[in-house]
C-alpha atoms as a PDB file:
ATOM      1  CA  MET A   1    -148.904 215.619-187.530  1.00  0.00           C
ATOM      2  CA  LEU A   2    -149.051 211.630-186.976  1.00  0.00           C
ATOM      3  CA  ARG A   3    -145.269 212.353-186.598  1.00  0.00           C
ATOM      4  CA  HIS A   4    -146.194 214.439-183.483  1.00  0.00           C
ATOM      5  CA  VAL A   5    -148.474 212.552-181.766  1.00  0.00           C
ATOM      6  CA  TRP A   6    -146.450 209.586-181.620  1.00  0.00           C
ATOM      7  CA  LEU A   7    -143.544 212.050-180.778  1.00  0.00           C
ATOM      8  CA  VAL A   8    -146.063 212.462-177.283  1.00  0.00           C
ATOM      9  CA  LEU A   9    -147.248 208.941-176.952  1.00  0.00           C
ATOM     10  CA  ILE A  10    -143.598 208.099-176.393  1.00  0.00           C
ATOM     11  CA  VAL A  11    -142.279 210.675-174.367  1.00  0.00           C
ATOM     12  CA  ILE A  12    -145.147 209.929-171.968  1.00  0.00           C
ATOM     13  CA  ASN A  13    -144.700 206.188-172.008  1.00  0.00           C
ATOM     14  CA  LEU A  14    -140.679 207.116-171.050  1.00  0.00           C
ATOM     15  CA  ALA A  15    -142.285 209.425-167.992  1.00  0.00           C
ATOM     16  CA  VAL A  16    -144.891 206.490-166.941  1.00  0.00           C
ATOM     17  CA  ALA A  17    -141.461 204.422-167.189  1.00  0.00           C
ATOM     18  CA  TRP A  18    -138.988 206.509-164.828  1.00  0.00           C
ATOM     19  CA  TRP A  19    -141.809 207.173-162.528  1.00  0.00           C
ATOM     20  CA  GLY A  20    -142.328 203.843-162.315  1.00  0.00           C
ATOM     21  CA  TRP A  21    -138.598 203.016-161.624  1.00  0.00           C
ATOM     22  CA  GLN A  22    -138.506 205.626-159.011  1.00  0.00           C
ATOM     23  CA  ARG A  23    -141.129 203.956-156.986  1.00  0.00           C
ATOM     24  CA  GLU A  24    -139.716 200.069-157.754  1.00  0.00           C
ATOM     25  CA  GLN A  25    -136.136 202.247-155.598  1.00  0.00           C
ATOM     26  CA  GLU A  26    -137.342 203.452-153.301  1.00  0.00           C
ATOM     27  CA  GLU A  27    -139.752 200.566-152.252  1.00  0.00           C
ATOM     28  CA  SER A  28    -136.644 198.482-152.678  1.00  0.00           C
ATOM     29  CA  ALA A  29    -134.498 200.976-150.114  1.00  0.00           C
ATOM     30  CA  GLY A  30    -137.765 200.968-147.836  1.00  0.00           C
ATOM     31  CA  LEU A  31    -137.560 197.659-147.483  1.00  0.00           C
ATOM     32  CA  GLY A  32    -133.953 197.299-147.041  1.00  0.00           C
ATOM     33  CA  LEU A  33    -134.232 199.608-144.370  1.00  0.00           C
ATOM     34  CA  MET A  34    -136.906 197.417-142.433  1.00  0.00           C
ATOM     35  CA  LEU A  35    -134.841 194.177-142.638  1.00  0.00           C
ATOM     36  CA  PRO A  36    -132.460 194.693-140.102  1.00  0.00           C
ATOM     37  CA  ALA A  37    -135.365 196.154-137.730  1.00  0.00           C
ATOM     38  CA  LEU A  38    -136.911 193.025-138.513  1.00  0.00           C
ATOM     39  CA  ALA A  39    -134.633 191.293-137.793  1.00  0.00           C
ATOM     40  CA  ASP A  40    -133.533 192.483-134.915  1.00  0.00           C
ATOM     41  CA  GLN A  41    -137.254 192.651-132.948  1.00  0.00           C
ATOM     42  CA  ARG A  42    -136.963 188.881-133.903  1.00  0.00           C
ATOM     43  CA  LEU A  43    -134.250 188.155-132.059  1.00  0.00           C
ATOM     44  CA  LEU A  44    -135.208 189.795-129.436  1.00  0.00           C
ATOM     45  CA  MET A  45    -138.366 187.936-129.213  1.00  0.00           C
ATOM     46  CA  GLY A  46    -136.429 184.685-129.738  1.00  0.00           C
ATOM     47  CA  HIS A  47    -134.206 186.147-126.232  1.00  0.00           C
ATOM     48  CA  GLU A  48    -137.744 186.812-124.131  1.00  0.00           C
ATOM     49  CA  MET A  49    -139.065 183.297-125.231  1.00  0.00           C
ATOM     50  CA  ALA A  50    -135.896 182.166-124.096  1.00  0.00           C
ATOM     51  CA  ALA A  51    -135.588 183.720-120.938  1.00  0.00           C
ATOM     52  CA  SER A  52    -139.231 183.156-120.283  1.00  0.00           C
ATOM     53  CA  SER A  53    -138.742 179.629-120.968  1.00  0.00           C
ATOM     54  CA  LEU A  54    -135.885 179.004-119.098  1.00  0.00           C
ATOM     55  CA  GLN A  55    -137.371 181.124-115.679  1.00  0.00           C
ATOM     56  CA  GLN A  56    -140.530 178.765-115.875  1.00  0.00           C
ATOM     57  CA  ARG A  57    -138.424 175.543-116.099  1.00  0.00           C
ATOM     58  CA  ALA A  58    -136.119 176.986-112.818  1.00  0.00           C
ATOM     59  CA  GLU A  59    -139.679 177.284-110.731  1.00  0.00           C
ATOM     60  CA  GLU A  60    -141.150 173.813-111.777  1.00  0.00           C
ATOM     61  CA  ALA A  61    -137.639 172.206-110.429  1.00  0.00           C
ATOM     62  CA  GLN A  62    -138.175 174.839-107.343  1.00  0.00           C
ATOM     63  CA  LYS A  63    -141.730 174.632-106.875  1.00  0.00           C
ATOM     64  CA  ALA A  64    -143.488 173.158-103.633  1.00  0.00           C
ATOM     65  CA  CYS A  65    -145.094 169.482-103.492  1.00  0.00           C
ATOM     66  CA  LEU A  66    -146.823 168.954 -99.971  1.00  0.00           C
ATOM     67  CA  GLY A  67    -146.180 166.219 -97.515  1.00  0.00           C
ATOM     68  CA  VAL A  68    -146.065 164.720 -94.039  1.00  0.00           C
ATOM     69  CA  MET A  69    -142.276 164.436 -92.721  1.00  0.00           C
ATOM     70  CA  LEU A  70    -141.807 161.523 -90.235  1.00  0.00           C
ATOM     71  CA  ASP A  71    -138.678 160.663 -88.279  1.00  0.00           C
ATOM     72  CA  SER A  72    -138.458 157.036 -89.234  1.00  0.00           C
ATOM     73  CA  GLU A  73    -139.198 154.531 -92.477  1.00  0.00           C
ATOM     74  CA  ALA A  74    -142.045 152.191 -89.712  1.00  0.00           C
ATOM     75  CA  LEU A  75    -143.913 155.212 -89.446  1.00  0.00           C
ATOM     76  CA  ALA A  76    -143.728 156.071 -92.857  1.00  0.00           C
ATOM     77  CA  LYS A  77    -145.345 152.892 -93.475  1.00  0.00           C
ATOM     78  CA  THR A  78    -147.345 153.151 -91.254  1.00  0.00           C
ATOM     79  CA  TRP A  79    -149.039 156.337 -91.862  1.00  0.00           C
ATOM     80  CA  SER A  80    -148.643 155.295 -96.244  1.00  0.00           C
ATOM     81  CA  GLY A  81    -151.196 152.342 -95.147  1.00  0.00           C
ATOM     82  CA  TRP A  82    -153.396 154.100 -93.142  1.00  0.00           C
ATOM     83  CA  LEU A  83    -154.165 156.694 -95.744  1.00  0.00           C
ATOM     84  CA  GLN A  84    -154.403 154.256 -98.635  1.00  0.00           C
ATOM     85  CA  SER A  85    -157.339 152.493 -96.870  1.00  0.00           C
ATOM     86  CA  LYS A  86    -158.953 156.339 -96.979  1.00  0.00           C
ATOM     87  CA  GLY A  87    -157.956 156.675-100.318  1.00  0.00           C
ATOM     88  CA  VAL A  88    -155.091 158.936-100.856  1.00  0.00           C
ATOM     89  CA  ALA A  89    -152.093 157.864-103.087  1.00  0.00           C
ATOM     90  CA  ALA A  90    -148.751 158.946-101.080  1.00  0.00           C
ATOM     91  CA  THR A  91    -145.590 158.654-102.155  1.00  0.00           C
ATOM     92  CA  MET A  92    -142.450 157.642 -99.768  1.00  0.00           C
ATOM     93  CA  VAL A  93    -139.466 159.285-100.021  1.00  0.00           C
ATOM     94  CA  ARG A  94    -136.207 159.209 -98.304  1.00  0.00           C
ATOM     95  CA  TYR A  95    -134.617 162.650 -97.042  1.00  0.00           C
ATOM     96  CA  ALA A  96    -130.882 162.092 -95.518  1.00  0.00           C
ATOM     97  CA  GLU A  97    -128.271 164.520 -94.297  1.00  0.00           C
ATOM     98  CA  ALA A  98    -124.734 164.066 -93.413  1.00  0.00           C
ATOM     99  CA  ALA A  99    -124.358 164.986 -89.862  1.00  0.00           C
ATOM    100  CA  SER A 100    -121.432 166.224 -87.677  1.00  0.00           C
ATOM    101  CA  PRO A 101    -118.978 163.137 -86.204  1.00  0.00           C
ATOM    102  CA  ASP A 102    -118.369 161.973 -82.216  1.00  0.00           C
ATOM    103  CA  TYR A 103    -114.772 160.987 -81.877  1.00  0.00           C
ATOM    104  CA  TRP A 104    -114.076 158.490 -79.158  1.00  0.00           C
ATOM    105  CA  VAL A 105    -110.787 158.254 -77.766  1.00  0.00           C
ATOM    106  CA  TYR A 106    -109.906 154.671 -76.445  1.00  0.00           C
ATOM    107  CA  LEU A 107    -107.774 152.128 -75.396  1.00  0.00           C
ATOM    108  CA  GLU A 108    -106.882 148.812 -77.256  1.00  0.00           C
ATOM    109  CA  ALA A 109    -105.982 145.905 -74.121  1.00  0.00           C
ATOM    110  CA  ARG A 110    -104.765 142.764 -74.893  1.00  0.00           C
ATOM    111  CA  ASP A 111    -105.963 140.615 -71.942  1.00  0.00           C
ATOM    112  CA  VAL A 112    -107.906 141.385 -68.893  1.00  0.00           C
ATOM    113  CA  THR A 113    -104.855 142.204 -66.617  1.00  0.00           C
ATOM    114  CA  GLN A 114    -103.524 145.088 -68.866  1.00  0.00           C
ATOM    115  CA  ARG A 115    -107.253 146.568 -68.920  1.00  0.00           C
ATOM    116  CA  GLN A 116    -107.650 146.322 -65.089  1.00  0.00           C
ATOM    117  CA  SER A 117    -104.194 147.949 -64.551  1.00  0.00           C
ATOM    118  CA  TRP A 118    -104.355 150.953 -67.522  1.00  0.00           C
ATOM    119  CA  LEU A 119    -108.191 151.236 -65.707  1.00  0.00           C
ATOM    120  CA  ASP A 120    -106.463 151.606 -62.321  1.00  0.00           C
ATOM    121  CA  ARG A 121    -103.700 153.897 -63.541  1.00  0.00           C
ATOM    122  CA  LEU A 122    -106.203 156.293 -65.689  1.00  0.00           C
ATOM    123  CA  SER A 123    -108.521 156.146 -62.229  1.00  0.00           C
ATOM    124  CA  ALA A 124    -105.372 157.532 -60.432  1.00  0.00           C
ATOM    125  CA  GLU A 125    -104.370 160.557 -62.707  1.00  0.00           C
ATOM    126  CA  GLY A 126    -108.120 161.751 -62.185  1.00  0.00           C
ATOM    127  CA  ILE A 127    -109.438 160.344 -65.611  1.00  0.00           C
ATOM    128  CA  ASP A 128    -112.905 158.313 -65.683  1.00  0.00           C
ATOM    129  CA  ALA A 129    -112.514 155.062 -67.994  1.00  0.00           C
ATOM    130  CA  TYR A 130    -114.340 152.244 -68.322  1.00  0.00           C
ATOM    131  CA  VAL A 131    -114.678 149.786 -70.571  1.00  0.00           C
ATOM    132  CA  ILE A 132    -116.884 149.462 -73.322  1.00  0.00           C
ATOM    133  CA  ASP A 133    -119.556 146.796 -73.655  1.00  0.00           C
ATOM    134  CA  ALA A 134    -121.374 146.415 -76.888  1.00  0.00           C
ATOM    135  CA  GLY A 135    -120.691 147.495 -80.408  1.00  0.00           C
ATOM    136  CA  GLN A 136    -117.541 147.519 -82.545  1.00  0.00           C
ATOM    137  CA  LEU A 137    -115.097 148.951 -80.023  1.00  0.00           C
ATOM    138  CA  LYS A 138    -116.240 146.109 -76.827  1.00  0.00           C
ATOM    139  CA  GLY A 139    -113.475 145.259 -74.087  1.00  0.00           C
ATOM    140  CA  PHE A 140    -111.662 148.335 -75.168  1.00  0.00           C
ATOM    141  CA  ILE A 141    -111.034 151.025 -72.393  1.00  0.00           C
ATOM    142  CA  SER A 142    -112.705 154.282 -73.246  1.00  0.00           C
ATOM    143  CA  ILE A 143    -111.462 157.291 -72.375  1.00  0.00           C
ATOM    144  CA  GLY A 144    -114.236 159.633 -73.661  1.00  0.00           C
ATOM    145  CA  ARG A 145    -116.411 160.663 -76.493  1.00  0.00           C
ATOM    146  CA  PHE A 146    -116.672 164.025 -78.085  1.00  0.00           C
ATOM    147  CA  THR A 147    -118.382 165.804 -80.545  1.00  0.00           C
ATOM    148  CA  ARG A 148    -115.459 168.423 -81.418  1.00  0.00           C
ATOM    149  CA  ARG A 149    -112.259 166.618 -82.443  1.00  0.00           C
ATOM    150  CA  SER A 150    -110.171 169.214 -81.232  1.00  0.00           C
ATOM    151  CA  ALA A 151    -111.362 167.885 -77.625  1.00  0.00           C
ATOM    152  CA  ALA A 152    -110.205 164.649 -78.492  1.00  0.00           C
ATOM    153  CA  ASP A 153    -106.504 165.383 -79.735  1.00  0.00           C
ATOM    154  CA  TYR A 154    -106.328 166.877 -76.266  1.00  0.00           C
ATOM    155  CA  VAL A 155    -107.302 164.018 -74.112  1.00  0.00           C
ATOM    156  CA  GLN A 156    -105.540 161.641 -76.822  1.00  0.00           C
ATOM    157  CA  ALA A 157    -101.875 163.770 -76.002  1.00  0.00           C
ATOM    158  CA  THR A 158    -102.534 163.635 -72.057  1.00  0.00           C
ATOM    159  CA  VAL A 159    -103.045 160.081 -72.488  1.00  0.00           C
ATOM    160  CA  SER A 160     -99.855 159.939 -74.498  1.00  0.00           C
ATOM    161  CA  ALA A 161     -98.066 161.466 -71.874  1.00  0.00           C
ATOM    162  CA  LEU A 162     -98.781 158.721 -69.411  1.00  0.00           C
ATOM    163  CA  GLY A 163     -97.163 156.555 -72.270  1.00  0.00           C
ATOM    164  CA  LEU A 164    -100.182 154.990 -73.023  1.00  0.00           C
ATOM    165  CA  LYS A 165    -101.434 155.340 -76.764  1.00  0.00           C
ATOM    166  CA  PRO A 166    -104.758 155.889 -76.948  1.00  0.00           C
ATOM    167  CA  LEU A 167    -106.722 155.759 -80.205  1.00  0.00           C
ATOM    168  CA  ILE A 168    -109.939 158.029 -81.764  1.00  0.00           C
ATOM    169  CA  TYR A 169    -112.293 156.283 -83.749  1.00  0.00           C
ATOM    170  CA  SER A 170    -114.886 158.447 -85.730  1.00  0.00           C
ATOM    171  CA  ILE A 171    -118.426 157.720 -85.112  1.00  0.00           C
ATOM    172  CA  ASP A 172    -120.640 158.782 -88.697  1.00  0.00           C
ATOM    173  CA  HIS A 173    -124.025 160.086 -87.990  1.00  0.00           C
ATOM    174  CA  ALA A 174    -127.106 160.965 -89.990  1.00  0.00           C
ATOM    175  CA  SER A 175    -130.209 162.416 -89.890  1.00  0.00           C
ATOM    176  CA  GLU A 176    -133.045 160.294 -91.321  1.00  0.00           C
ATOM    177  CA  GLN A 177    -136.384 161.432 -92.419  1.00  0.00           C
ATOM    178  CA  TRP A 178    -138.915 159.992 -94.668  1.00  0.00           C
ATOM    179  CA  VAL A 179    -141.831 162.115 -96.546  1.00  0.00           C
ATOM    180  CA  LEU A 180    -145.572 160.888 -97.529  1.00  0.00           C
ATOM    181  CA  ARG A 181    -145.471 163.125-100.728  1.00  0.00           C
ATOM    182  CA  VAL A 182    -149.586 164.283-101.443  1.00  0.00           C
ATOM    183  CA  ASP A 183    -150.802 164.925-104.810  1.00  0.00           C
ATOM    184  CA  SER A 184    -151.910 169.250-104.069  1.00  0.00           C
ATOM    185  CA  SER A 185    -155.274 168.534-104.612  1.00  0.00           C
ATOM    186  CA  TYR A 186    -155.192 166.825-101.108  1.00  0.00           C
ATOM    187  CA  ALA A 187    -154.761 170.553 -99.286  1.00  0.00           C
ATOM    188  CA  ASP A 188    -158.268 171.468 -99.416  1.00  0.00           C
ATOM    189  CA  THR A 189    -160.112 168.587 -97.835  1.00  0.00           C
ATOM    190  CA  TRP A 190    -156.895 167.530 -95.836  1.00  0.00           C
ATOM    191  CA  ALA A 191    -158.040 168.683 -92.227  1.00  0.00           C
ATOM    192  CA  GLU A 192    -161.536 166.360 -92.805  1.00  0.00           C
ATOM    193  CA  ILE A 193    -158.998 163.382 -93.606  1.00  0.00           C
ATOM    194  CA  ILE A 194    -157.361 163.280 -90.504  1.00  0.00           C
ATOM    195  CA  ALA A 195    -159.739 164.481 -88.458  1.00  0.00           C
ATOM    196  CA  GLY A 196    -160.783 161.261 -86.916  1.00  0.00           C
ATOM    197  CA  LEU A 197    -156.932 160.865 -85.414  1.00  0.00           C
ATOM    198  CA  PRO A 198    -156.264 161.305 -81.852  1.00  0.00           C
ATOM    199  CA  THR A 199    -154.767 165.128 -81.653  1.00  0.00           C
ATOM    200  CA  LYS A 200    -151.403 164.086 -81.178  1.00  0.00           C
ATOM    201  CA  ASP A 201    -151.877 162.366 -84.590  1.00  0.00           C
ATOM    202  CA  GLN A 202    -152.938 164.964 -86.007  1.00  0.00           C
ATOM    203  CA  GLN A 203    -150.348 166.963 -85.483  1.00  0.00           C
ATOM    204  CA  GLN A 204    -148.080 164.549 -86.523  1.00  0.00           C
ATOM    205  CA  MET A 205    -149.956 164.609 -89.914  1.00  0.00           C
ATOM    206  CA  GLN A 206    -149.969 167.835 -91.053  1.00  0.00           C
ATOM    207  CA  LEU A 207    -148.791 168.371 -94.641  1.00  0.00           C
ATOM    208  CA  SER A 208    -145.603 170.682 -95.369  1.00  0.00           C
ATOM    209  CA  LYS A 209    -144.491 172.612 -98.302  1.00  0.00           C
ATOM    210  CA  ILE A 210    -141.569 170.202 -99.685  1.00  0.00           C
ATOM    211  CA  LEU A 211    -139.170 170.427-102.905  1.00  0.00           C
ATOM    212  CA  CYS A 212    -140.862 168.157-105.574  1.00  0.00           C
ATOM    213  CA  ASN A 213    -137.324 167.078-106.899  1.00  0.00           C
END
C-alpha cells in the first residue's frame, strides 16, 4: 500500500516538473519573438528623435530675428546710440553683398601733347572722350564706362582699329547695409519706442525680419 502511494507521488512530481518545463519553454520562445520587435521599435524611436532634433536645429539656424535695416555705418551708430538712450540694447551687424563691376575703357597718355592729340583724333571719329580728373585713372583719357563687359570689349576693339591701345579697368562694387538687431521682446512695444520721432525717421526705423545667423 505504501509503495503505491510513493509511486503516485513520484508521478505527480514528474507531471508538475514537466508542466513547469513546458511553461518555461513557451515563455522563452515568446520573449525571443518580442526582443527583435522591441529592438526595432527602439531603433525607430531613435531615428525619429534624431530626425526631429536635426529639423529643430535647422529651424533654429534659420530663425528670424528683428532688426532695423540702415544704409551706412554712420546711421547705424547714430540710431544705436539713440536706442541705448531709450534703454534698448541693439547689436550692429554689417551685411555686404557683391555687385556686378563697371568696366572703364581708357587710354594712357604719356604727356599733355599726346593726350590732346588723341582727344582730337577720337573727337574726329565721333567718340566722346575726356580726361579723368580724379581717382586711380587720373590724367588718363576716358573713352567710356560700361556695366557690361561685352560693351567695353566692343569699344576697345573699335578704338584699337584706329591704331590706339585702349585698356579696360574693372571697378568692383559692393552693396553694404547695416542692421541694428534687437531682441524680439520689443516687437509689441516698438511703435511706442519710436512714437516721438518725425514721420520720416519712424519709416526708417521700422523693424524687419532678418536671419539670426
